[in-house]
């Protein structure tokens, strides 16, 4: 009888131990808060200004069930007459932001722009495997055909507008002719370390503002969208 009780006790303890070792239920996936547009305006860097770019972000987000959030294009504008400059980093909320796979690409603005160091690497978690469209598809980068890694931002690496006399925004995203626009590389391959294909938001200027110009320098008129709420 005592032996039976002992065996029963062992079985209970084993069952409890096995239950304790079971992994916890999966945490819910964070809501979509960041994506690269799966399509551009079709008019090169003429996005219809900030309002047109924001509306495009909102439309694409709505098509995948995320339209209830307040979407903003990650774009800076330069001062023009009485109109002051606008910084991309001031438009997109405070974070954190997750991509379509539920991966956090940055915790806050400082993390996004490399103002903090986490896990031994400078800056954020934006690179080829995480810069997904709203549909969850990756963007072609170096080694892919065609390469489309140039993402329109009009921004300096810190997410702020340029203050010199050159045009870095294709006339604040209203030109598909004259001008140039600053782009970043969506397929940043070195985890944020210096050198190489490093900047997600400010790598070089385009050859021009037309769709053909953007394609010829490795882009397709795409831009980043962030949920600002």
Protein backbone atom coordinates (compact mmCIF):
# COMPACT_ATOMS: atom_id res chain seq x y z
CA UNK A 1 0.00 0.00 0.00
CA UNK A 2 2.80 2.38 0.97
CA UNK A 3 4.62 1.42 -2.21
CA UNK A 4 1.55 2.25 -4.29
CA UNK A 5 1.24 5.64 -2.58
CA UNK A 6 4.93 6.29 -3.23
CA UNK A 7 4.59 5.43 -6.93
CA UNK A 8 1.46 7.57 -7.20
CA UNK A 9 3.31 10.45 -5.57
CA UNK A 10 6.15 10.12 -8.05
CA UNK A 11 3.72 10.15 -10.93
CA UNK A 12 2.11 13.34 -9.62
CA UNK A 13 5.51 15.00 -9.18
CA UNK A 14 6.57 13.94 -12.67
CA UNK A 15 3.36 15.29 -14.15
CA UNK A 16 3.80 18.59 -12.31
CA UNK A 17 7.42 18.85 -13.46
CA UNK A 18 6.47 18.12 -17.06
CA UNK A 19 3.73 20.74 -16.89
CA UNK A 20 6.18 23.30 -15.48
CA UNK A 21 8.56 22.68 -18.36
CA UNK A 22 5.96 23.39 -21.02
CA UNK A 23 6.70 26.65 -22.87
CA UNK A 24 4.29 29.48 -22.11
CA UNK A 25 1.60 30.23 -24.64
CA UNK A 26 2.84 32.45 -27.46
CA UNK A 27 2.53 36.15 -26.69
CA UNK A 28 0.26 38.02 -29.07
CA UNK A 29 2.08 39.49 -32.09
CA UNK A 30 2.62 43.25 -31.81
CA UNK A 31 0.43 45.27 -34.16
CA UNK A 32 1.84 46.48 -37.46
CA UNK A 33 3.68 49.74 -36.88
CA UNK A 34 6.28 49.95 -39.65
CA UNK A 35 6.51 49.00 -43.29
CA UNK A 36 8.05 49.90 -46.62
CA UNK A 37 5.41 50.77 -49.20
CA UNK A 38 4.78 47.92 -51.61
CA UNK A 39 4.18 50.50 -54.33
CA UNK A 40 5.17 54.09 -54.96
CA UNK A 41 3.15 56.95 -56.37
CA UNK A 42 3.98 55.98 -59.95
CA UNK A 43 5.33 59.50 -60.47
CA UNK A 44 8.81 59.06 -59.08
CA UNK A 45 9.50 61.29 -56.09
CA UNK A 46 6.34 63.33 -56.70
CA UNK A 47 4.32 61.89 -53.84
CA UNK A 48 1.83 64.73 -53.62
CA UNK A 49 3.79 66.31 -50.78
CA UNK A 50 3.62 65.05 -47.23
CA UNK A 51 -0.18 64.87 -47.35
CA UNK A 52 -0.12 62.63 -50.41
CA UNK A 53 2.56 60.38 -48.93
CA UNK A 54 0.67 60.04 -45.63
CA UNK A 55 -2.51 59.17 -47.51
CA UNK A 56 -0.65 56.46 -49.43
CA UNK A 57 0.63 54.97 -46.15
CA UNK A 58 -2.89 55.05 -44.71
CA UNK A 59 -4.35 53.39 -47.82
CA UNK A 60 -1.80 50.55 -47.88
CA UNK A 61 -2.20 49.96 -44.14
CA UNK A 62 -5.97 49.82 -44.55
CA UNK A 63 -5.65 47.13 -47.21
CA UNK A 64 -4.02 44.80 -44.68
CA UNK A 65 -6.37 45.60 -41.80
CA UNK A 66 -4.21 48.19 -40.04
CA UNK A 67 -6.06 51.30 -41.16
CA UNK A 68 -7.27 52.17 -37.68
CA UNK A 69 -3.80 53.45 -36.79
CA UNK A 70 -2.50 56.92 -37.68
CA UNK A 71 0.09 56.38 -40.41
CA UNK A 72 2.81 58.86 -41.37
CA UNK A 73 5.43 58.75 -44.10
CA UNK A 74 9.01 58.92 -42.89
CA UNK A 75 9.92 62.04 -44.88
CA UNK A 76 11.62 65.33 -44.09
CA UNK A 77 10.88 68.54 -45.97
CA UNK A 78 13.17 71.52 -46.44
CA UNK A 79 12.29 75.10 -45.55
CA UNK A 80 10.61 76.87 -48.46
CA UNK A 81 9.76 80.55 -48.17
CA UNK A 82 7.46 80.94 -45.18
CA UNK A 83 7.15 77.17 -44.77
CA UNK A 84 9.53 75.80 -42.11
CA UNK A 85 11.38 72.52 -42.49
CA UNK A 86 9.78 69.33 -41.17
CA UNK A 87 11.84 66.54 -39.64
CA UNK A 88 10.87 62.94 -40.41
CA UNK A 89 11.64 61.88 -36.85
CA UNK A 90 9.11 64.38 -35.49
CA UNK A 91 6.25 62.88 -37.50
CA UNK A 92 6.23 59.22 -36.54
CA UNK A 93 5.35 58.99 -32.87
CA UNK A 94 7.47 57.49 -30.09
CA UNK A 95 7.49 53.74 -30.84
CA UNK A 96 7.98 50.88 -30.42
CA UNK A 97 7.33 49.81 -34.01
CA UNK A 98 6.88 46.26 -35.32
CA UNK A 99 6.96 45.02 -38.89
CA UNK A 100 4.42 42.72 -40.54
CA UNK A 101 6.12 39.66 -39.02
CA UNK A 102 5.76 41.09 -35.50
CA UNK A 103 9.48 41.88 -35.17
CA UNK A 104 10.34 45.09 -33.33
CA UNK A 105 12.53 47.22 -35.58
CA UNK A 106 13.08 49.98 -33.00
CA UNK A 107 11.95 50.68 -29.46
CA UNK A 108 11.89 54.47 -29.67
CA UNK A 109 13.26 57.41 -31.64
CA UNK A 110 16.71 57.23 -30.06
CA UNK A 111 17.00 53.53 -30.88
CA UNK A 112 15.74 54.12 -34.42
CA UNK A 113 18.33 56.79 -35.13
CA UNK A 114 21.34 55.20 -33.49
CA UNK A 115 21.35 57.46 -30.44
CA UNK A 116 21.52 54.40 -28.18
CA UNK A 117 23.53 51.19 -28.22
CA UNK A 118 21.73 47.90 -27.65
CA UNK A 119 23.01 44.31 -27.74
CA UNK A 120 26.48 45.55 -28.65
CA UNK A 121 25.37 47.09 -31.93
CA UNK A 122 24.70 50.65 -32.85
CA UNK A 123 21.19 51.63 -33.76
CA UNK A 124 18.08 49.83 -34.77
CA UNK A 125 16.90 46.52 -36.17
CA UNK A 126 16.26 47.81 -39.69
CA UNK A 127 17.98 45.61 -42.28
CA UNK A 128 17.17 43.40 -45.25
CA UNK A 129 15.34 40.72 -43.26
CA UNK A 130 13.15 43.18 -41.36
CA UNK A 131 12.30 45.94 -43.86
CA UNK A 132 9.12 44.28 -45.05
CA UNK A 133 6.19 45.76 -46.93
CA UNK A 134 2.76 46.06 -45.35
CA UNK A 135 2.05 42.64 -46.91
CA UNK A 136 5.06 41.08 -45.21
CA UNK A 137 7.14 40.75 -48.37
CA UNK A 138 10.85 41.70 -48.48
CA UNK A 139 12.34 44.46 -50.60
CA UNK A 140 14.88 43.54 -53.27
CA UNK A 141 18.40 44.57 -52.34
CA UNK A 142 21.98 44.10 -53.46
CA UNK A 143 22.26 40.80 -55.32
CA UNK A 144 18.57 40.76 -56.30
CA UNK A 145 17.20 41.65 -59.72
CA UNK A 146 16.12 44.36 -59.88
CA UNK A 147 17.76 46.04 -56.90
CA UNK A 148 15.13 48.35 -55.31
CA UNK A 149 16.75 49.15 -51.97
CA UNK A 150 16.75 52.96 -52.37
CA UNK A 151 14.03 54.25 -50.02
CA UNK A 152 12.99 57.91 -50.24
CA UNK A 153 13.48 59.84 -46.98
CA UNK A 154 14.83 63.33 -47.74
CA UNK A 155 16.57 63.06 -44.38
CA UNK A 156 19.91 63.23 -42.67
CA UNK A 157 21.00 60.18 -40.63
CA UNK A 158 19.50 61.69 -37.47
CA UNK A 159 16.08 61.93 -39.15
CA UNK A 160 16.18 65.68 -39.58
CA UNK A 161 15.81 67.86 -42.67
CA UNK A 162 18.74 69.22 -44.63
CA UNK A 163 19.47 72.90 -44.12
CA UNK A 164 21.77 73.62 -47.10
CA UNK A 165 20.71 75.13 -50.41
CA UNK A 166 20.68 71.85 -52.37
CA UNK A 167 17.44 70.04 -53.14
CA UNK A 168 17.30 66.78 -51.15
CA UNK A 169 13.51 66.30 -51.40
CA UNK A 170 12.53 66.76 -55.07
CA UNK A 171 10.91 70.06 -54.16
CA UNK A 172 9.33 68.58 -51.05
CA UNK A 173 7.96 65.57 -52.96
CA UNK A 174 6.14 67.56 -55.63
CA UNK A 175 8.58 67.13 -58.52
CA UNK A 176 9.07 64.26 -60.94
CA UNK A 177 11.45 66.34 -63.05
CA UNK A 178 14.12 68.65 -61.72
CA UNK A 179 15.85 68.04 -58.42
CA UNK A 180 17.10 65.13 -56.36
CA UNK A 181 16.03 63.23 -53.27
CA UNK A 182 17.97 61.65 -50.41
CA UNK A 183 17.48 57.92 -50.03
CA UNK A 184 18.46 55.24 -47.54
CA UNK A 185 19.15 51.55 -48.11
CA UNK A 186 16.51 49.12 -46.87
CA UNK A 187 18.95 46.19 -47.00
CA UNK A 188 21.48 47.50 -44.50
CA UNK A 189 23.69 44.43 -44.23
CA UNK A 190 26.16 45.13 -41.46
CA UNK A 191 23.94 45.43 -38.41
CA UNK A 192 24.71 49.12 -37.98
CA UNK A 193 28.47 48.87 -37.66
CA UNK A 194 30.46 51.53 -39.49
CA UNK A 195 31.35 51.00 -43.11
CA UNK A 196 29.60 49.12 -45.87
CA UNK A 197 25.91 49.33 -46.71
CA UNK A 198 25.17 51.11 -43.46
CA UNK A 199 22.39 53.69 -43.55
CA UNK A 200 18.72 52.78 -43.70
CA UNK A 201 17.65 56.43 -44.03
CA UNK A 202 20.46 58.52 -45.55
CA UNK A 203 22.93 56.93 -47.96
CA UNK A 204 23.03 59.03 -51.16
CA UNK A 205 21.03 61.34 -53.41
CA UNK A 206 19.11 60.10 -56.45
CA UNK A 207 20.04 61.04 -60.01
CA UNK A 208 16.77 62.87 -60.39
CA UNK A 209 13.10 62.85 -59.45
CA UNK A 210 11.46 60.86 -62.23
CA UNK A 211 10.51 57.22 -61.87
CA UNK A 212 13.23 56.39 -64.41
CA UNK A 213 15.82 58.29 -62.37
CA UNK A 214 14.86 56.48 -59.18
CA UNK A 215 14.99 53.07 -60.88
CA UNK A 216 18.39 53.82 -62.40
CA UNK A 217 19.92 54.45 -58.98
CA UNK A 218 18.48 51.30 -57.39
CA UNK A 219 15.01 52.31 -56.26
CA UNK A 220 11.35 52.17 -57.23
CA UNK A 221 9.81 55.15 -55.47
CA UNK A 222 9.22 53.33 -52.17
CA UNK A 223 9.21 55.04 -48.76
CA UNK A 224 8.87 54.09 -45.10
CA UNK A 225 5.59 54.31 -43.18
CA UNK A 226 5.28 54.42 -39.38
CA UNK A 227 2.29 54.30 -37.06
CA UNK A 228 2.43 57.53 -35.08
CA UNK A 229 -0.08 56.50 -32.40
